[in-house]
Amino acid sequence: PQNNLELVISADALTTNALFGFRIQAVSIEDSSVGSAIIEFRSNGPPVLGTCGANPSSGVALLTIFSLECRGWEDVDLPLAYEFSRKDAGGI
């Protein structure tokens, strides 16, 4: 028998914003009595309705100072955290 207390689900294995249920059943090794439980949960979805922009929209690396701003994003899980990155012309 296993005594793991964690359930690991692969990234992107669940549809976003969908309802799921897990059922667990246990059988006693002493008297064969059975117990079970069901847990339901909704998977998280991405934030919606927002925009992000840079000012200026183009410039020279290490010379241009950019201002980055995101507005209007909505999500049931607050507070939201933002992460910015860059991509050069070669897609890196």
Protein backbone atom coordinates (compact mmCIF):
# COMPACT_ATOMS: atom_id res chain seq x y z
CA PRO A 1 0.00 0.00 0.00
CA GLN A 2 1.06 3.57 -0.65
CA ASN A 3 0.96 6.37 1.89
CA ASN A 4 1.56 9.37 -0.37
CA LEU A 5 -0.11 12.59 0.72
CA GLU A 6 0.33 14.42 -2.58
CA LEU A 7 -1.35 14.24 -5.95
CA VAL A 8 0.77 15.59 -8.79
CA ILE A 9 -0.90 16.61 -12.06
CA SER A 10 1.15 17.49 -15.13
CA ALA A 11 1.23 21.11 -16.21
CA ASP A 12 -1.52 21.94 -18.73
CA ALA A 13 -3.26 18.60 -18.08
CA LEU A 14 -6.50 20.27 -16.94
CA THR A 15 -8.77 22.50 -18.99
CA THR A 16 -8.80 26.05 -17.64
CA ASN A 17 -11.80 27.28 -15.66
CA ALA A 18 -13.46 23.85 -15.59
CA LEU A 19 -15.00 21.85 -12.75
CA PHE A 20 -13.27 18.61 -11.73
CA GLY A 21 -13.84 15.98 -9.08
CA PHE A 22 -11.60 13.44 -7.44
CA ARG A 23 -12.93 10.37 -5.66
CA ILE A 24 -10.80 8.40 -3.27
CA GLN A 25 -11.75 5.06 -1.81
CA ALA A 26 -9.99 3.26 1.02
CA VAL A 27 -10.41 -0.30 2.24
CA SER A 28 -9.46 -1.30 5.77
CA ILE A 29 -6.94 -4.13 5.88
CA GLU A 30 -8.34 -5.14 9.27
CA ASP A 31 -12.03 -5.64 8.55
CA SER A 32 -12.43 -4.81 4.82
CA SER A 33 -14.70 -1.85 5.60
CA VAL A 34 -14.80 0.75 2.83
CA GLY A 35 -14.79 4.53 3.02
CA SER A 36 -14.75 7.11 0.29
CA ALA A 37 -14.68 10.86 -0.25
CA ILE A 38 -15.17 13.19 -3.20
CA ILE A 39 -13.61 16.59 -3.59
CA GLU A 40 -14.60 19.02 -6.33
CA PHE A 41 -12.59 21.99 -7.51
CA ARG A 42 -12.50 24.46 -10.37
CA SER A 43 -9.26 24.86 -12.27
CA ASN A 44 -7.85 28.35 -12.54
CA GLY A 45 -8.13 30.37 -15.70
CA PRO A 46 -5.96 33.22 -16.94
CA PRO A 47 -6.69 36.86 -16.14
CA VAL A 48 -8.93 38.58 -18.71
CA LEU A 49 -9.79 41.95 -20.28
CA GLY A 50 -6.49 43.75 -19.71
CA THR A 51 -3.83 45.36 -21.81
CA CYS A 52 -0.11 45.95 -21.43
CA GLY A 53 2.03 48.47 -23.21
CA ALA A 54 5.45 50.08 -23.37
CA ASN A 55 6.30 53.74 -23.74
CA PRO A 56 8.09 54.33 -26.04
CA SER A 57 7.08 51.32 -28.14
CA SER A 58 10.59 50.91 -29.57
CA GLY A 59 14.10 52.03 -28.72
CA VAL A 60 17.76 51.11 -28.45
CA ALA A 61 18.86 48.41 -25.97
CA LEU A 62 20.65 49.80 -22.91
CA LEU A 63 20.01 53.39 -24.07
CA THR A 64 16.24 53.84 -24.12
CA ILE A 65 14.36 54.00 -20.82
CA PHE A 66 11.02 52.21 -21.18
CA SER A 67 7.94 52.57 -19.02
CA LEU A 68 5.90 49.36 -18.86
CA GLU A 69 2.29 49.40 -17.71
CA CYS A 70 -0.59 46.90 -17.46
CA ARG A 71 -4.19 47.98 -16.86
CA GLY A 72 -7.66 46.54 -16.60
CA TRP A 73 -6.82 42.89 -15.88
CA GLU A 74 -9.49 40.95 -13.95
CA ASP A 75 -9.15 37.67 -12.08
CA VAL A 76 -10.78 36.00 -9.08
CA ASP A 77 -7.33 35.29 -7.60
CA LEU A 78 -5.90 38.56 -6.32
CA PRO A 79 -3.49 40.21 -6.10
CA LEU A 80 -2.17 39.78 -9.62
CA ALA A 81 1.57 39.67 -10.22
CA TYR A 82 3.19 40.86 -13.43
CA GLU A 83 6.40 39.73 -15.07
CA PHE A 84 8.03 41.45 -18.02
CA SER A 85 10.60 39.98 -20.41
CA ARG A 86 12.12 40.91 -23.72
CA LYS A 87 12.35 39.23 -27.11
CA ASP A 88 14.88 40.29 -29.72
CA ALA A 89 14.34 40.25 -33.49
CA GLY A 90 15.60 36.64 -33.65
CA GLY A 91 12.81 35.49 -31.33
CA ILE A 92 15.08 34.93 -28.33
